[in-house]
Amino acid sequence: SDALWTALSREGGYLDQAIANLPGHEQAQMRLGKAALLLIGHSGIRREEAVMAKRGRLKMIDTAGIPLAELAILGKGLKWRTVLLPNVAISALRDHWGDRGQDFDDLAQAESHLLSPLVIPSTPQATEKHLQEEGGQAQGFAPGSLWRIVTRTLKAVAADAHIEMTVHDREILRQRATHALRHTFASVAVGREG
């Protein structure tokens, strides 16, 4: 629902509360989940598009005094489209980049993926994908890996007993996944037009 999405995604909302309630060494992974959720939920892009999104395709704009960002995405049918992101999503991405030790505003990072792992497993596949020299550019996720991060984040928020929310909302968060976020975006967008 629109109310649950707002409670989850707003500044100081459920995601921020869940991050604050974690020990310091666990907060970075939850901030990654927040960045992924806000990127997908506010733009309506598919997880396959989210994992391919790069910093160089993101342009900050100002619309009637409201800071936004335009993100060019290569979507289905290999067609480019542009989606808008609010400042709260950009702030979440900035925090995630800080956790990665990268400067979000460094234009030399144009080929870095917006979302990238914080910890790289020691498997040969992960090493090949993420630890190859790419001019210092961060490599992204596989869509299934991003799905696991998003669902794990939503379940962690739902399980946090320090956050005041209804049992019903907790159950919804436990069962949500990235595809449902696209529907949330569509419902909220249509509701604002009506």
C-alpha atoms as a PDB file:
ATOM      1  CA  SER A   1       0.000   0.000   0.000  1.00  0.00           C
ATOM      2  CA  ASP A   2       0.981   3.625  -0.441  1.00  0.00           C
ATOM      3  CA  ALA A   3       0.997   4.188   3.344  1.00  0.00           C
ATOM      4  CA  LEU A   4       3.313   1.226   3.992  1.00  0.00           C
ATOM      5  CA  TRP A   5       5.687   2.285   1.197  1.00  0.00           C
ATOM      6  CA  THR A   6       5.816   5.814   2.631  1.00  0.00           C
ATOM      7  CA  ALA A   7       6.441   4.497   6.159  1.00  0.00           C
ATOM      8  CA  LEU A   8       9.195   2.233   4.831  1.00  0.00           C
ATOM      9  CA  SER A   9      10.951   4.656   2.480  1.00  0.00           C
ATOM     10  CA  ARG A  10      10.690   8.123   4.041  1.00  0.00           C
ATOM     11  CA  GLU A  11      13.524   9.748   5.976  1.00  0.00           C
ATOM     12  CA  GLY A  12      13.368   8.357   9.507  1.00  0.00           C
ATOM     13  CA  GLY A  13      11.045   5.589   8.271  1.00  0.00           C
ATOM     14  CA  TYR A  14      11.185   1.854   8.885  1.00  0.00           C
ATOM     15  CA  LEU A  15      14.355   1.365   6.837  1.00  0.00           C
ATOM     16  CA  ASP A  16      16.220   4.126   8.673  1.00  0.00           C
ATOM     17  CA  GLN A  17      14.988   2.813  12.031  1.00  0.00           C
ATOM     18  CA  ALA A  18      16.126  -0.724  11.197  1.00  0.00           C
ATOM     19  CA  ILE A  19      19.575   0.572  10.213  1.00  0.00           C
ATOM     20  CA  ALA A  20      19.877   2.587  13.435  1.00  0.00           C
ATOM     21  CA  ASN A  21      18.871  -0.460  15.509  1.00  0.00           C
ATOM     22  CA  LEU A  22      21.703  -2.606  14.120  1.00  0.00           C
ATOM     23  CA  PRO A  23      25.259  -2.830  15.460  1.00  0.00           C
ATOM     24  CA  GLY A  24      27.611  -0.573  13.474  1.00  0.00           C
ATOM     25  CA  HIS A  25      29.316  -3.412  11.578  1.00  0.00           C
ATOM     26  CA  GLU A  26      25.937  -4.634  10.221  1.00  0.00           C
ATOM     27  CA  GLN A  27      24.577  -1.264   9.095  1.00  0.00           C
ATOM     28  CA  ALA A  28      26.387  -1.106   5.730  1.00  0.00           C
ATOM     29  CA  GLN A  29      24.636  -4.216   4.386  1.00  0.00           C
ATOM     30  CA  MET A  30      21.254  -2.818   5.450  1.00  0.00           C
ATOM     31  CA  ARG A  31      22.114   0.502   3.745  1.00  0.00           C
ATOM     32  CA  LEU A  32      22.808  -1.488   0.560  1.00  0.00           C
ATOM     33  CA  GLY A  33      19.353  -3.051   0.881  1.00  0.00           C
ATOM     34  CA  LYS A  34      17.832   0.378   1.441  1.00  0.00           C
ATOM     35  CA  ALA A  35      19.563   1.787  -1.653  1.00  0.00           C
ATOM     36  CA  ALA A  36      18.286  -1.129  -3.758  1.00  0.00           C
ATOM     37  CA  LEU A  37      14.744  -0.823  -2.402  1.00  0.00           C
ATOM     38  CA  LEU A  38      14.577   2.920  -2.993  1.00  0.00           C
ATOM     39  CA  LEU A  39      16.126   2.669  -6.458  1.00  0.00           C
ATOM     40  CA  ILE A  40      13.598   0.049  -7.572  1.00  0.00           C
ATOM     41  CA  GLY A  41      10.610   1.309  -5.575  1.00  0.00           C
ATOM     42  CA  HIS A  42      10.873   4.967  -6.554  1.00  0.00           C
ATOM     43  CA  SER A  43      11.697   4.390 -10.219  1.00  0.00           C
ATOM     44  CA  GLY A  44       9.695   1.267 -11.050  1.00  0.00           C
ATOM     45  CA  ILE A  45      12.674  -0.347 -12.802  1.00  0.00           C
ATOM     46  CA  ARG A  46      13.129  -4.117 -12.955  1.00  0.00           C
ATOM     47  CA  ARG A  47      15.816  -5.787 -10.854  1.00  0.00           C
ATOM     48  CA  GLU A  48      17.593  -6.702 -14.115  1.00  0.00           C
ATOM     49  CA  GLU A  49      17.704  -2.991 -14.926  1.00  0.00           C
ATOM     50  CA  ALA A  50      18.772  -2.027 -11.401  1.00  0.00           C
ATOM     51  CA  VAL A  51      21.827  -4.300 -11.478  1.00  0.00           C
ATOM     52  CA  MET A  52      22.969  -2.702 -14.749  1.00  0.00           C
ATOM     53  CA  ALA A  53      22.417   0.930 -13.660  1.00  0.00           C
ATOM     54  CA  LYS A  54      25.650   2.932 -13.741  1.00  0.00           C
ATOM     55  CA  ARG A  55      26.666   6.207 -12.143  1.00  0.00           C
ATOM     56  CA  GLY A  56      27.444   7.826 -15.487  1.00  0.00           C
ATOM     57  CA  ARG A  57      23.795   7.412 -16.521  1.00  0.00           C
ATOM     58  CA  LEU A  58      22.549   9.397 -13.503  1.00  0.00           C
ATOM     59  CA  LYS A  59      22.149  13.157 -13.869  1.00  0.00           C
ATOM     60  CA  MET A  60      21.103  15.508 -11.088  1.00  0.00           C
ATOM     61  CA  ILE A  61      18.373  17.977 -12.038  1.00  0.00           C
ATOM     62  CA  ASP A  62      16.288  20.609 -10.274  1.00  0.00           C
ATOM     63  CA  THR A  63      12.594  20.809 -11.087  1.00  0.00           C
ATOM     64  CA  ALA A  64      10.800  23.803  -9.596  1.00  0.00           C
ATOM     65  CA  GLY A  65      13.165  23.769  -6.624  1.00  0.00           C
ATOM     66  CA  ILE A  66      12.778  20.009  -6.063  1.00  0.00           C
ATOM     67  CA  PRO A  67      16.068  18.103  -6.362  1.00  0.00           C
ATOM     68  CA  LEU A  68      15.658  15.022  -8.546  1.00  0.00           C
ATOM     69  CA  ALA A  69      17.847  12.765 -10.602  1.00  0.00           C
ATOM     70  CA  GLU A  70      17.304  11.348 -14.081  1.00  0.00           C
ATOM     71  CA  LEU A  71      18.553   7.826 -14.637  1.00  0.00           C
ATOM     72  CA  ALA A  72      18.871   6.439 -18.164  1.00  0.00           C
ATOM     73  CA  ILE A  73      18.109   2.717 -18.136  1.00  0.00           C
ATOM     74  CA  LEU A  74      18.532   0.133 -20.866  1.00  0.00           C
ATOM     75  CA  GLY A  75      15.330  -1.882 -20.566  1.00  0.00           C
ATOM     76  CA  LYS A  76      13.386  -4.602 -22.285  1.00  0.00           C
ATOM     77  CA  GLY A  77      13.917  -4.821 -26.007  1.00  0.00           C
ATOM     78  CA  LEU A  78      17.215  -2.962 -25.561  1.00  0.00           C
ATOM     79  CA  LYS A  79      15.341   0.346 -25.453  1.00  0.00           C
ATOM     80  CA  TRP A  80      16.607   3.276 -23.420  1.00  0.00           C
ATOM     81  CA  ARG A  81      14.232   5.095 -21.092  1.00  0.00           C
ATOM     82  CA  THR A  82      14.635   7.695 -18.394  1.00  0.00           C
ATOM     83  CA  VAL A  83      13.263   7.408 -14.861  1.00  0.00           C
ATOM     84  CA  LEU A  84      13.230  10.003 -12.102  1.00  0.00           C
ATOM     85  CA  LEU A  85      14.582   9.455  -8.602  1.00  0.00           C
ATOM     86  CA  PRO A  86      13.812  11.621  -5.562  1.00  0.00           C
ATOM     87  CA  ASN A  87      16.513  12.959  -3.283  1.00  0.00           C
ATOM     88  CA  VAL A  88      15.842  10.253  -0.650  1.00  0.00           C
ATOM     89  CA  ALA A  89      16.886   7.570  -3.177  1.00  0.00           C
ATOM     90  CA  ILE A  90      20.009   9.528  -4.149  1.00  0.00           C
ATOM     91  CA  SER A  91      20.925   9.935  -0.465  1.00  0.00           C
ATOM     92  CA  ALA A  92      20.608   6.167   0.012  1.00  0.00           C
ATOM     93  CA  LEU A  93      22.861   5.564  -3.006  1.00  0.00           C
ATOM     94  CA  ARG A  94      25.400   8.089  -1.653  1.00  0.00           C
ATOM     95  CA  ASP A  95      25.460   6.268   1.690  1.00  0.00           C
ATOM     96  CA  HIS A  96      25.973   2.917  -0.077  1.00  0.00           C
ATOM     97  CA  TRP A  97      28.850   4.375  -2.110  1.00  0.00           C
ATOM     98  CA  GLY A  98      30.397   5.715   1.087  1.00  0.00           C
ATOM     99  CA  ASP A  99      30.243   2.212   2.553  1.00  0.00           C
ATOM    100  CA  ARG A 100      32.061   0.994  -0.567  1.00  0.00           C
ATOM    101  CA  GLY A 101      34.762   3.623  -0.094  1.00  0.00           C
ATOM    102  CA  GLN A 102      33.823   5.377  -3.346  1.00  0.00           C
ATOM    103  CA  ASP A 103      33.041   9.022  -4.026  1.00  0.00           C
ATOM    104  CA  PHE A 104      29.550   9.274  -5.544  1.00  0.00           C
ATOM    105  CA  ASP A 105      30.438  12.641  -7.105  1.00  0.00           C
ATOM    106  CA  ASP A 106      33.709  11.465  -8.723  1.00  0.00           C
ATOM    107  CA  LEU A 107      33.017  11.576 -12.473  1.00  0.00           C
ATOM    108  CA  ALA A 108      35.864   9.094 -13.011  1.00  0.00           C
ATOM    109  CA  GLN A 109      33.471   6.511 -11.527  1.00  0.00           C
ATOM    110  CA  ALA A 110      30.996   6.817 -14.428  1.00  0.00           C
ATOM    111  CA  GLU A 111      31.214   3.112 -15.282  1.00  0.00           C
ATOM    112  CA  SER A 112      30.688   1.985 -11.678  1.00  0.00           C
ATOM    113  CA  HIS A 113      27.399   0.262 -10.978  1.00  0.00           C
ATOM    114  CA  LEU A 114      25.050   2.154  -8.669  1.00  0.00           C
ATOM    115  CA  LEU A 115      24.680  -0.998  -6.573  1.00  0.00           C
ATOM    116  CA  SER A 116      27.693  -3.166  -5.861  1.00  0.00           C
ATOM    117  CA  PRO A 117      28.583  -5.817  -3.265  1.00  0.00           C
ATOM    118  CA  LEU A 118      30.255  -4.769  -0.049  1.00  0.00           C
ATOM    119  CA  VAL A 119      31.650  -8.229   0.605  1.00  0.00           C
ATOM    120  CA  ILE A 120      32.840 -10.522  -2.165  1.00  0.00           C
ATOM    121  CA  PRO A 121      32.589 -14.267  -1.556  1.00  0.00           C
ATOM    122  CA  SER A 122      35.800 -16.219  -2.101  1.00  0.00           C
ATOM    123  CA  THR A 123      34.300 -18.435  -4.817  1.00  0.00           C
ATOM    124  CA  PRO A 124      36.020 -18.538  -8.226  1.00  0.00           C
ATOM    125  CA  GLN A 125      32.913 -17.096  -9.936  1.00  0.00           C
ATOM    126  CA  ALA A 126      32.672 -14.142  -7.536  1.00  0.00           C
ATOM    127  CA  THR A 127      36.396 -13.486  -7.750  1.00  0.00           C
ATOM    128  CA  GLU A 128      36.268 -13.482 -11.547  1.00  0.00           C
ATOM    129  CA  LYS A 129      33.273 -11.159 -11.670  1.00  0.00           C
ATOM    130  CA  HIS A 130      34.214  -8.641  -8.977  1.00  0.00           C
ATOM    131  CA  LEU A 131      37.971  -8.639  -8.501  1.00  0.00           C
ATOM    132  CA  GLN A 132      39.134  -8.158 -12.064  1.00  0.00           C
ATOM    133  CA  GLU A 133      40.791  -4.851 -12.819  1.00  0.00           C
ATOM    134  CA  GLU A 134      38.136  -2.594 -14.315  1.00  0.00           C
ATOM    135  CA  GLY A 135      39.901   0.724 -13.858  1.00  0.00           C
ATOM    136  CA  GLY A 136      38.621   0.947 -10.283  1.00  0.00           C
ATOM    137  CA  GLN A 137      35.000   0.737 -11.393  1.00  0.00           C
ATOM    138  CA  ALA A 138      32.626  -1.156  -9.077  1.00  0.00           C
ATOM    139  CA  GLN A 139      30.991  -4.201 -10.600  1.00  0.00           C
ATOM    140  CA  GLY A 140      27.304  -4.945 -10.044  1.00  0.00           C
ATOM    141  CA  PHE A 141      25.179  -7.884  -8.958  1.00  0.00           C
ATOM    142  CA  ALA A 142      23.405 -10.715 -10.693  1.00  0.00           C
ATOM    143  CA  PRO A 143      19.619 -10.092 -10.590  1.00  0.00           C
ATOM    144  CA  GLY A 144      19.063 -13.072  -8.267  1.00  0.00           C
ATOM    145  CA  SER A 145      21.621 -11.736  -5.793  1.00  0.00           C
ATOM    146  CA  LEU A 146      19.901  -8.359  -5.714  1.00  0.00           C
ATOM    147  CA  TRP A 147      16.553 -10.091  -5.135  1.00  0.00           C
ATOM    148  CA  ARG A 148      18.044 -11.899  -2.102  1.00  0.00           C
ATOM    149  CA  ILE A 149      19.381  -8.622  -0.683  1.00  0.00           C
ATOM    150  CA  VAL A 150      16.008  -6.897  -1.081  1.00  0.00           C
ATOM    151  CA  THR A 151      13.997  -9.739   0.440  1.00  0.00           C
ATOM    152  CA  ARG A 152      16.502 -10.131   3.306  1.00  0.00           C
ATOM    153  CA  THR A 153      16.264  -6.385   3.995  1.00  0.00           C
ATOM    154  CA  LEU A 154      12.467  -6.406   4.045  1.00  0.00           C
ATOM    155  CA  LYS A 155      12.432  -9.439   6.357  1.00  0.00           C
ATOM    156  CA  ALA A 156      14.937  -7.753   8.693  1.00  0.00           C
ATOM    157  CA  VAL A 157      12.735  -4.645   8.893  1.00  0.00           C
ATOM    158  CA  ALA A 158       9.685  -6.818   9.570  1.00  0.00           C
ATOM    159  CA  ALA A 159      11.537  -8.731  12.309  1.00  0.00           C
ATOM    160  CA  ASP A 160      12.788  -5.607  14.119  1.00  0.00           C
ATOM    161  CA  ALA A 161      10.677  -5.503  17.292  1.00  0.00           C
ATOM    162  CA  HIS A 162      11.894  -1.949  18.056  1.00  0.00           C
ATOM    163  CA  ILE A 163       9.969  -0.574  15.074  1.00  0.00           C
ATOM    164  CA  GLU A 164       6.333   0.266  15.760  1.00  0.00           C
ATOM    165  CA  MET A 165       4.191  -1.211  12.988  1.00  0.00           C
ATOM    166  CA  THR A 166       1.153  -3.425  12.706  1.00  0.00           C
ATOM    167  CA  VAL A 167       1.339  -7.209  12.548  1.00  0.00           C
ATOM    168  CA  HIS A 168      -0.299  -6.937   9.115  1.00  0.00           C
ATOM    169  CA  ASP A 169       2.431  -4.602   7.814  1.00  0.00           C
ATOM    170  CA  ARG A 170       5.130  -6.918   9.184  1.00  0.00           C
ATOM    171  CA  GLU A 171       3.572  -9.833   7.321  1.00  0.00           C
ATOM    172  CA  ILE A 172       3.384  -7.838   4.077  1.00  0.00           C
ATOM    173  CA  LEU A 173       7.089  -6.932   4.351  1.00  0.00           C
ATOM    174  CA  ARG A 174       8.025 -10.567   5.005  1.00  0.00           C
ATOM    175  CA  GLN A 175       6.325 -11.588   1.752  1.00  0.00           C
ATOM    176  CA  ARG A 176       7.394  -8.750  -0.566  1.00  0.00           C
ATOM    177  CA  ALA A 177       9.999  -8.952  -3.307  1.00  0.00           C
ATOM    178  CA  THR A 178      11.388  -6.686  -6.006  1.00  0.00           C
ATOM    179  CA  HIS A 179       8.534  -7.298  -8.464  1.00  0.00           C
ATOM    180  CA  ALA A 180       6.001  -6.079  -5.906  1.00  0.00           C
ATOM    181  CA  LEU A 181       7.951  -2.826  -5.626  1.00  0.00           C
ATOM    182  CA  ARG A 182       7.359  -2.164  -9.306  1.00  0.00           C
ATOM    183  CA  HIS A 183       3.624  -2.486  -8.640  1.00  0.00           C
ATOM    184  CA  THR A 184       3.972  -0.139  -5.649  1.00  0.00           C
ATOM    185  CA  PHE A 185       5.617   2.430  -7.899  1.00  0.00           C
ATOM    186  CA  ALA A 186       2.858   2.070 -10.514  1.00  0.00           C
ATOM    187  CA  SER A 187       0.083   2.353  -7.920  1.00  0.00           C
ATOM    188  CA  VAL A 188       1.596   5.412  -6.291  1.00  0.00           C
ATOM    189  CA  ALA A 189       2.253   7.072  -9.678  1.00  0.00           C
ATOM    190  CA  VAL A 190      -1.299   6.457 -10.903  1.00  0.00           C
ATOM    191  CA  GLY A 191      -2.726   7.616  -7.584  1.00  0.00           C
ATOM    192  CA  ARG A 192      -0.886  10.941  -7.849  1.00  0.00           C
ATOM    193  CA  GLU A 193      -2.236  11.553 -11.341  1.00  0.00           C
ATOM    194  CA  GLY A 194      -5.862  10.918 -10.337  1.00  0.00           C
END
